Amino acid sequence: MAKSTSELHVAIVKIFKDVMDVEDIEITNETTADDVEEWDSLSHVRLIVAVEKKYAIKFSDAEIESLRKFGDLVTAVARKTNA
């Protein structure tokens, strides 16, 4: 079932907060790992795995490497789920 990009954003923010174990943080499409102390390489992998599992999708290594901002992840999920 396709969702709007804004619905995906909200759902992926929830996944992000769960994976990073943070609550009091505002996540925008422009948020990067430099903006979130907990967002390191290991948590990035955990985030990708959680998103792939939730949406039953798979990212290639090149796609994962291209995800620089939170919005890039939302866009990639939207593309793969035809949202």
C-alpha atoms as a PDB file:
ATOM      1  CA  MET A   1       0.000   0.000   0.000  1.00  0.00           C
ATOM      2  CA  ALA A   2       1.516   3.275  -1.105  1.00  0.00           C
ATOM      3  CA  LYS A   3       1.722   6.130   1.345  1.00  0.00           C
ATOM      4  CA  SER A   4       2.247   9.802   0.768  1.00  0.00           C
ATOM      5  CA  THR A   5       5.743  11.154   1.255  1.00  0.00           C
ATOM      6  CA  SER A   6       4.603  13.030   4.375  1.00  0.00           C
ATOM      7  CA  GLU A   7       3.193   9.810   5.865  1.00  0.00           C
ATOM      8  CA  LEU A   8       6.452   8.042   5.044  1.00  0.00           C
ATOM      9  CA  HIS A   9       8.404  10.867   6.661  1.00  0.00           C
ATOM     10  CA  VAL A  10       6.422  10.514   9.898  1.00  0.00           C
ATOM     11  CA  ALA A  11       6.745   6.710   9.903  1.00  0.00           C
ATOM     12  CA  ILE A  12      10.486   6.780   9.188  1.00  0.00           C
ATOM     13  CA  VAL A  13      11.053   9.437  11.875  1.00  0.00           C
ATOM     14  CA  LYS A  14       9.484   6.987  14.335  1.00  0.00           C
ATOM     15  CA  ILE A  15      11.828   4.219  13.157  1.00  0.00           C
ATOM     16  CA  PHE A  16      14.762   6.655  13.336  1.00  0.00           C
ATOM     17  CA  LYS A  17      13.947   7.657  16.914  1.00  0.00           C
ATOM     18  CA  ASP A  18      13.565   4.003  17.945  1.00  0.00           C
ATOM     19  CA  VAL A  19      16.858   2.954  16.337  1.00  0.00           C
ATOM     20  CA  MET A  20      18.798   5.957  17.651  1.00  0.00           C
ATOM     21  CA  ASP A  21      17.053   5.736  21.044  1.00  0.00           C
ATOM     22  CA  VAL A  22      16.253   9.455  21.034  1.00  0.00           C
ATOM     23  CA  GLU A  23      12.921  11.147  21.621  1.00  0.00           C
ATOM     24  CA  ASP A  24      13.442  14.885  21.993  1.00  0.00           C
ATOM     25  CA  ILE A  25      14.801  15.649  18.558  1.00  0.00           C
ATOM     26  CA  GLU A  26      13.328  17.284  15.504  1.00  0.00           C
ATOM     27  CA  ILE A  27      14.125  15.448  12.294  1.00  0.00           C
ATOM     28  CA  THR A  28      13.801  17.273   8.992  1.00  0.00           C
ATOM     29  CA  ASN A  29      14.642  16.239   5.441  1.00  0.00           C
ATOM     30  CA  GLU A  30      17.894  18.180   5.834  1.00  0.00           C
ATOM     31  CA  THR A  31      19.031  16.339   8.999  1.00  0.00           C
ATOM     32  CA  THR A  32      22.392  14.589   8.586  1.00  0.00           C
ATOM     33  CA  ALA A  33      24.538  12.367  10.784  1.00  0.00           C
ATOM     34  CA  ASP A  34      26.484  15.490  11.765  1.00  0.00           C
ATOM     35  CA  ASP A  35      23.309  16.818  13.403  1.00  0.00           C
ATOM     36  CA  VAL A  36      22.583  13.748  15.548  1.00  0.00           C
ATOM     37  CA  GLU A  37      25.216  12.539  18.001  1.00  0.00           C
ATOM     38  CA  GLU A  38      23.778   9.009  18.060  1.00  0.00           C
ATOM     39  CA  TRP A  39      23.856   8.671  14.254  1.00  0.00           C
ATOM     40  CA  ASP A  40      27.104   6.806  13.664  1.00  0.00           C
ATOM     41  CA  SER A  41      27.989   4.141  11.114  1.00  0.00           C
ATOM     42  CA  LEU A  42      26.581   1.271  13.192  1.00  0.00           C
ATOM     43  CA  SER A  43      23.290   3.026  13.911  1.00  0.00           C
ATOM     44  CA  HIS A  44      23.089   3.969  10.223  1.00  0.00           C
ATOM     45  CA  VAL A  45      23.226   0.278   9.299  1.00  0.00           C
ATOM     46  CA  ARG A  46      20.623  -0.523  11.970  1.00  0.00           C
ATOM     47  CA  LEU A  47      18.392   2.234  10.585  1.00  0.00           C
ATOM     48  CA  ILE A  48      18.665   0.912   7.030  1.00  0.00           C
ATOM     49  CA  VAL A  49      17.924  -2.650   8.170  1.00  0.00           C
ATOM     50  CA  ALA A  50      14.890  -1.494  10.188  1.00  0.00           C
ATOM     51  CA  VAL A  51      13.512   0.491   7.238  1.00  0.00           C
ATOM     52  CA  GLU A  52      14.124  -2.388   4.818  1.00  0.00           C
ATOM     53  CA  LYS A  53      12.316  -4.767   7.167  1.00  0.00           C
ATOM     54  CA  LYS A  54       9.378  -2.412   7.763  1.00  0.00           C
ATOM     55  CA  TYR A  55       8.778  -1.772   4.049  1.00  0.00           C
ATOM     56  CA  ALA A  56       9.936  -5.161   2.685  1.00  0.00           C
ATOM     57  CA  ILE A  57      12.480  -3.483   0.418  1.00  0.00           C
ATOM     58  CA  LYS A  58      16.211  -3.835  -0.147  1.00  0.00           C
ATOM     59  CA  PHE A  59      18.762  -1.098  -0.819  1.00  0.00           C
ATOM     60  CA  SER A  60      21.913  -1.695  -2.845  1.00  0.00           C
ATOM     61  CA  ASP A  61      25.262  -0.711  -1.369  1.00  0.00           C
ATOM     62  CA  ALA A  62      25.399   2.233  -3.778  1.00  0.00           C
ATOM     63  CA  GLU A  63      21.961   3.411  -2.654  1.00  0.00           C
ATOM     64  CA  ILE A  64      22.962   3.175   1.003  1.00  0.00           C
ATOM     65  CA  GLU A  65      26.150   5.160   0.352  1.00  0.00           C
ATOM     66  CA  SER A  66      24.131   7.875  -1.402  1.00  0.00           C
ATOM     67  CA  LEU A  67      21.897   8.467   1.638  1.00  0.00           C
ATOM     68  CA  ARG A  68      23.440  11.619   3.083  1.00  0.00           C
ATOM     69  CA  LYS A  69      20.381  13.331   4.566  1.00  0.00           C
ATOM     70  CA  PHE A  70      17.246  12.019   6.235  1.00  0.00           C
ATOM     71  CA  GLY A  71      15.222  13.257   3.272  1.00  0.00           C
ATOM     72  CA  ASP A  72      17.322  11.077   0.957  1.00  0.00           C
ATOM     73  CA  LEU A  73      16.147   8.034   2.899  1.00  0.00           C
ATOM     74  CA  VAL A  74      12.494   9.093   2.719  1.00  0.00           C
ATOM     75  CA  THR A  75      12.812   9.703  -1.029  1.00  0.00           C
ATOM     76  CA  ALA A  76      14.483   6.322  -1.551  1.00  0.00           C
ATOM     77  CA  VAL A  77      11.743   4.512   0.375  1.00  0.00           C
ATOM     78  CA  ALA A  78       9.058   6.414  -1.541  1.00  0.00           C
ATOM     79  CA  ARG A  79      10.671   5.406  -4.836  1.00  0.00           C
ATOM     80  CA  LYS A  80      10.895   1.746  -3.845  1.00  0.00           C
ATOM     81  CA  THR A  81       7.347   1.590  -2.457  1.00  0.00           C
ATOM     82  CA  ASN A  82       5.825   3.686  -5.263  1.00  0.00           C
ATOM     83  CA  ALA A  83       4.547   6.257  -2.764  1.00  0.00           C
END
